[in-house]
Amino acid sequence: MKVRIDRLKKAAIALFALPLLAVALLNPAVGQPQTPVDPSDAPAFFAAKCKMCHGAKAEKLFDATKPEADLVQVVLKGKADKTPKMPAYETKGVNEEQARALVAHMKSLKK
């Protein structure tokens, strides 16, 4: 009887663990480092860091009518009072010139 219970335990573990292992091994994103995006390349930076919240044409959560200086500061300093929160990219290596280029790129997408 004990041998049968041990076999059932092993079978239950295998039925649970094997699918998880298969998903982990077959998922190409697991274990691969993210390639850093150069903030100097505004289109690539937008596609990698901004598109998921702002949309492909910067149509969401971006008011192109605001002054450029204000938009640049939002890129650099972020906005914690909004949901979703806008991260501060200044702490991630983006400088004012790169932020200005990103804002210009986003404005160009809206045309």
Foldseek 3Di string as FASTA:
>chain_A
DVVVVVVVVVVVCCVPVVVVVVCQVPDPVPPDDDDDDDLQPLVVCCVVPPCVQLNPLSPHPDDLVDDLVVQLVCQQPWAPVDPVTGHHCVVVPDDSVSSSVNSVVSVVSND
